[in-house]
Protein backbone atom coordinates (compact mmCIF):
# COMPACT_ATOMS: atom_id res chain seq x y z
CA MET A 1 -34.82 101.19 19.91
CA SER A 2 -33.72 98.91 22.74
CA ASP A 3 -31.24 96.07 22.30
CA ARG A 4 -34.07 93.59 22.89
CA SER A 5 -36.26 95.14 20.20
CA HIS A 6 -33.36 95.30 17.76
CA SER A 7 -32.46 91.65 18.43
CA LEU A 8 -36.07 90.47 18.04
CA LEU A 9 -36.48 92.29 14.74
CA ASN A 10 -33.19 90.91 13.41
CA ILE A 11 -34.11 87.25 13.98
CA ARG A 12 -37.50 87.44 12.28
CA PRO A 13 -37.82 86.06 8.77
CA ASN A 14 -38.52 88.44 5.94
CA ILE A 15 -41.85 87.75 4.23
CA PRO A 16 -41.89 89.45 0.81
CA LYS A 17 -45.59 88.64 0.28
CA ALA A 18 -46.56 90.58 3.42
CA LYS A 19 -47.01 93.92 1.70
CA ILE A 20 -47.57 97.18 3.58
CA THR A 21 -49.75 99.79 1.87
CA LEU A 22 -51.21 103.14 2.84
CA GLU A 23 -54.76 101.80 2.46
CA MET A 24 -54.28 99.11 5.13
CA THR A 25 -56.00 99.28 8.48
CA ASP A 26 -53.82 99.36 11.58
CA ALA A 27 -54.75 95.74 12.28
CA GLU A 28 -53.72 94.63 8.78
CA ARG A 29 -50.45 96.53 9.08
CA PHE A 30 -49.73 94.94 12.47
CA GLN A 31 -50.55 91.54 11.05
CA ASN A 32 -48.09 91.93 8.18
CA GLU A 33 -45.34 93.72 10.10
CA ALA A 34 -45.38 91.70 13.31
CA LEU A 35 -47.70 88.69 13.40
CA ARG A 36 -46.75 87.03 10.12
CA PRO A 37 -42.97 87.11 10.76
CA ILE A 38 -43.36 86.05 14.39
CA ILE A 39 -45.69 83.16 13.59
CA LYS A 40 -43.37 81.99 10.81
CA PHE A 41 -40.39 82.23 13.18
CA GLN A 42 -42.25 80.37 15.92
CA ASN A 43 -43.55 77.66 13.54
CA PRO A 44 -41.41 74.80 14.94
CA LEU A 45 -42.54 75.66 18.47
CA LEU A 46 -46.20 75.91 17.42
CA LEU A 47 -45.97 72.50 15.72
CA ALA A 48 -44.34 70.96 18.80
CA ALA A 49 -46.99 72.50 21.07
CA PHE A 50 -49.83 71.05 19.01
CA ALA A 51 -48.12 67.66 18.77
CA ASN A 52 -47.88 67.70 22.57
CA TYR A 53 -51.55 68.70 22.78
CA ILE A 54 -52.46 65.67 20.66
CA THR A 55 -50.44 63.38 22.96
CA LYS A 56 -51.92 64.86 26.13
CA HIS A 57 -55.40 64.24 24.73
CA LYS A 58 -54.77 60.53 24.23
CA ASN A 59 -53.95 60.72 20.52
CA ARG A 60 -57.63 60.86 19.52
CA PHE A 61 -56.52 63.09 16.66
CA HIS A 62 -54.93 60.09 14.93
CA ASP A 63 -58.22 58.19 14.84
CA LEU A 64 -59.95 60.92 12.84
CA VAL A 65 -60.41 61.34 9.10
CA LEU A 66 -58.83 64.40 7.47
CA GLU A 67 -61.91 66.62 7.66
CA LYS A 68 -62.35 65.88 11.37
CA ARG A 69 -58.65 66.47 12.01
CA LEU A 70 -58.99 69.95 10.53
CA GLU A 71 -61.97 70.57 12.81
CA TYR A 72 -59.98 69.21 15.76
CA ILE A 73 -57.23 71.78 15.17
CA GLU A 74 -59.76 74.59 15.02
CA ASN A 75 -61.65 73.43 18.10
CA ALA A 76 -58.48 72.89 20.13
CA ILE A 77 -57.41 76.48 19.57
CA GLN A 78 -60.82 78.11 19.80
CA LYS A 79 -62.27 76.18 22.74
CA ASP A 80 -59.34 75.12 24.93
CA ILE A 81 -58.59 78.44 26.61
CA LYS A 82 -55.41 77.22 28.37
CA PHE A 83 -53.97 75.95 25.10
CA ARG A 84 -55.02 79.10 23.26
CA ASN A 85 -53.39 81.29 25.91
CA SER A 86 -50.22 79.22 25.70
CA LEU A 87 -50.05 79.78 21.94
CA LYS A 88 -50.74 83.50 22.35
CA GLY A 89 -47.90 83.68 24.88
CA MET A 90 -45.48 82.11 22.40
CA ILE A 91 -46.30 84.90 19.97
CA ILE A 92 -46.74 87.87 22.30
CA GLY A 93 -43.42 87.04 23.96
CA GLN A 94 -41.74 87.85 20.64
CA PHE A 95 -43.22 91.37 20.43
CA THR A 96 -40.99 94.38 20.79
CA LEU A 97 -42.11 96.84 23.47
CA GLU A 98 -43.42 99.12 20.72
CA GLU A 99 -45.42 96.28 19.16
CA TYR A 100 -46.80 95.34 22.55
CA GLN A 101 -48.02 98.92 23.03
CA LYS A 102 -49.85 98.70 19.69
CA TYR A 103 -51.18 95.23 20.51
CA ILE A 104 -52.80 96.21 23.81
CA GLN A 105 -54.75 98.99 22.09
CA ASN A 106 -56.67 96.45 20.00
CA SER A 107 -55.86 93.07 21.54
CA SER A 108 -59.26 91.46 20.95
CA ALA A 109 -59.23 91.94 17.17
CA LEU A 110 -55.52 91.13 16.95
CA ASN A 111 -56.00 87.93 18.98
CA LYS A 112 -58.62 86.79 16.46
CA ARG A 113 -56.22 87.46 13.59
CA MET A 114 -53.36 85.79 15.45
CA MET A 115 -55.27 82.61 16.27
CA GLY A 116 -56.75 82.45 12.78
CA MET A 117 -53.26 82.56 11.34
CA VAL A 118 -52.05 79.84 13.73
CA ILE A 119 -55.03 77.63 12.85
CA ASP A 120 -54.34 78.07 9.12
CA ARG A 121 -50.64 77.35 9.60
CA LEU A 122 -51.31 74.12 11.54
CA LYS A 123 -53.92 72.99 9.02
CA ASP A 124 -51.52 73.67 6.14
CA GLN A 125 -48.92 71.45 7.82
CA ILE A 126 -51.26 68.71 8.99
CA GLN A 127 -48.95 66.04 7.56
CA PHE A 128 -46.48 66.93 10.35
CA PHE A 129 -48.81 65.26 12.85
CA GLU A 130 -49.01 61.90 11.08
CA GLU A 131 -47.92 58.97 13.17
CA PRO A 132 -44.78 57.30 11.81
CA VAL A 133 -45.50 54.09 9.94
CA LEU A 134 -43.68 51.08 11.36
CA VAL A 135 -42.31 48.72 8.74
């Protein structure tokens, strides 16, 4: 294993709930071994990227009710290809060479999993995007 791979694996958080079993598909295994720890590790960057996305799109997000905000997150990631590719880059850049080799064998399905996980993570932390209340 290269120094880069070793370093990347060492900085990732451990996720005890991300179980690995013999019955798992390769995609599920990749999700639990690589995607979950990377997305958790990159969480502050993902939050900052979406906050910047909101600002660049004239803060329309803040005018929406909760249900529409959740839709906004989903639409931003699914329909804005530049933004989606930026998020994918933040995650793929954390792959080891070995993980990248696995990823390119099934990138379409893994991209769907990856973006679904990012959407869920942003939705679960929607309070992060609240505008500060001035007193």
